[in-house]
Amino acid sequence: MFNRYQPKLTNCQNSSCGKTNIHTGNDHSYIHPIKWNEFTLDINNQIELALQRQTDLDIYKLEKELS
């Protein structure tokens, strides 16, 4: 999660977020979490977003940890 090299951040002045920078947008991670009911409402768009991420590999820090 949150593995974009240059995340889109905004300064949150709300006390609930600790008055710090927070991630904004829906492209902060290579793997995008989504609820099933939201996915089924717009399947084609979700597939397009996944295909776009596949072509934008260079903007995400992807690692595999071997134990």
C-alpha atoms as a PDB file:
ATOM      1  CA  MET A   1       0.000   0.000   0.000  1.00  0.00           C
ATOM      2  CA  PHE A   2       1.071   3.569  -0.668  1.00  0.00           C
ATOM      3  CA  ASN A   3       3.900   2.501  -2.951  1.00  0.00           C
ATOM      4  CA  ARG A   4       3.849   5.338  -5.474  1.00  0.00           C
ATOM      5  CA  TYR A   5       7.278   6.956  -5.813  1.00  0.00           C
ATOM      6  CA  GLN A   6       5.827  10.462  -5.892  1.00  0.00           C
ATOM      7  CA  PRO A   7       2.511  10.334  -4.039  1.00  0.00           C
ATOM      8  CA  LYS A   8      -0.082  13.038  -4.400  1.00  0.00           C
ATOM      9  CA  LEU A   9      -0.207  14.635  -0.974  1.00  0.00           C
ATOM     10  CA  THR A  10      -2.292  17.367   0.530  1.00  0.00           C
ATOM     11  CA  ASN A  11      -1.943  19.150   3.844  1.00  0.00           C
ATOM     12  CA  CYS A  12      -4.794  18.108   6.124  1.00  0.00           C
ATOM     13  CA  GLN A  13      -5.697  20.693   8.742  1.00  0.00           C
ATOM     14  CA  ASN A  14      -8.339  18.477  10.363  1.00  0.00           C
ATOM     15  CA  SER A  15      -7.461  17.106  13.797  1.00  0.00           C
ATOM     16  CA  SER A  16      -8.794  13.664  12.797  1.00  0.00           C
ATOM     17  CA  CYS A  17      -5.881  13.222  10.356  1.00  0.00           C
ATOM     18  CA  GLY A  18      -3.284  14.611  12.721  1.00  0.00           C
ATOM     19  CA  LYS A  19      -2.822  17.875  10.787  1.00  0.00           C
ATOM     20  CA  THR A  20      -0.265  16.324   8.471  1.00  0.00           C
ATOM     21  CA  ASN A  21       0.158  15.427   4.798  1.00  0.00           C
ATOM     22  CA  ILE A  22      -2.189  12.722   3.559  1.00  0.00           C
ATOM     23  CA  HIS A  23      -2.420  10.733   0.337  1.00  0.00           C
ATOM     24  CA  THR A  24      -5.081  11.905  -2.085  1.00  0.00           C
ATOM     25  CA  GLY A  25      -6.515  10.400  -5.228  1.00  0.00           C
ATOM     26  CA  ASN A  26      -7.039   6.730  -6.012  1.00  0.00           C
ATOM     27  CA  ASP A  27      -3.663   5.941  -7.545  1.00  0.00           C
ATOM     28  CA  HIS A  28      -1.505   5.843  -4.414  1.00  0.00           C
ATOM     29  CA  SER A  29      -0.970   2.093  -4.689  1.00  0.00           C
ATOM     30  CA  TYR A  30      -0.312  -0.300  -7.544  1.00  0.00           C
ATOM     31  CA  ILE A  31      -2.928  -2.666  -6.136  1.00  0.00           C
ATOM     32  CA  HIS A  32      -6.125  -0.696  -5.778  1.00  0.00           C
ATOM     33  CA  PRO A  33      -8.445  -1.899  -3.010  1.00  0.00           C
ATOM     34  CA  ILE A  34     -12.103  -1.693  -3.910  1.00  0.00           C
ATOM     35  CA  LYS A  35     -15.300  -3.086  -2.481  1.00  0.00           C
ATOM     36  CA  TRP A  36     -17.035  -5.705  -4.592  1.00  0.00           C
ATOM     37  CA  ASN A  37     -20.278  -3.715  -4.839  1.00  0.00           C
ATOM     38  CA  GLU A  38     -18.346  -0.679  -6.145  1.00  0.00           C
ATOM     39  CA  PHE A  39     -16.469  -2.860  -8.647  1.00  0.00           C
ATOM     40  CA  THR A  40     -19.672  -4.361 -10.041  1.00  0.00           C
ATOM     41  CA  LEU A  41     -21.215  -0.912 -10.538  1.00  0.00           C
ATOM     42  CA  ASP A  42     -18.534   0.068 -13.050  1.00  0.00           C
ATOM     43  CA  ILE A  43     -16.615  -3.024 -14.134  1.00  0.00           C
ATOM     44  CA  ASN A  44     -15.303  -1.598 -17.411  1.00  0.00           C
ATOM     45  CA  ASN A  45     -13.811   1.462 -15.714  1.00  0.00           C
ATOM     46  CA  GLN A  46     -12.144  -0.676 -13.051  1.00  0.00           C
ATOM     47  CA  ILE A  47     -10.593  -2.884 -15.721  1.00  0.00           C
ATOM     48  CA  GLU A  48      -9.342   0.199 -17.575  1.00  0.00           C
ATOM     49  CA  LEU A  49      -7.759   1.511 -14.358  1.00  0.00           C
ATOM     50  CA  ALA A  50      -6.011  -1.843 -13.826  1.00  0.00           C
ATOM     51  CA  LEU A  51      -4.715  -1.853 -17.397  1.00  0.00           C
ATOM     52  CA  GLN A  52      -3.433   1.709 -16.973  1.00  0.00           C
ATOM     53  CA  ARG A  53      -1.546   0.743 -13.815  1.00  0.00           C
ATOM     54  CA  GLN A  54      -0.005  -2.151 -15.718  1.00  0.00           C
ATOM     55  CA  THR A  55       1.511   0.297 -18.205  1.00  0.00           C
ATOM     56  CA  ASP A  56       2.605   2.743 -15.449  1.00  0.00           C
ATOM     57  CA  LEU A  57       4.866   0.324 -13.564  1.00  0.00           C
ATOM     58  CA  ASP A  58       7.697   2.852 -13.375  1.00  0.00           C
ATOM     59  CA  ILE A  59       5.769   5.174 -11.022  1.00  0.00           C
ATOM     60  CA  TYR A  60       5.303   2.485  -8.359  1.00  0.00           C
ATOM     61  CA  LYS A  61       7.881   0.938  -6.054  1.00  0.00           C
ATOM     62  CA  LEU A  62       7.240  -2.772  -6.472  1.00  0.00           C
ATOM     63  CA  GLU A  63       9.189  -5.245  -4.375  1.00  0.00           C
ATOM     64  CA  LYS A  64       9.081  -8.915  -3.620  1.00  0.00           C
ATOM     65  CA  GLU A  65      10.357 -10.087  -0.280  1.00  0.00           C
ATOM     66  CA  LEU A  66      11.848 -13.545  -0.037  1.00  0.00           C
ATOM     67  CA  SER A  67      12.059 -15.224   3.332  1.00  0.00           C
END
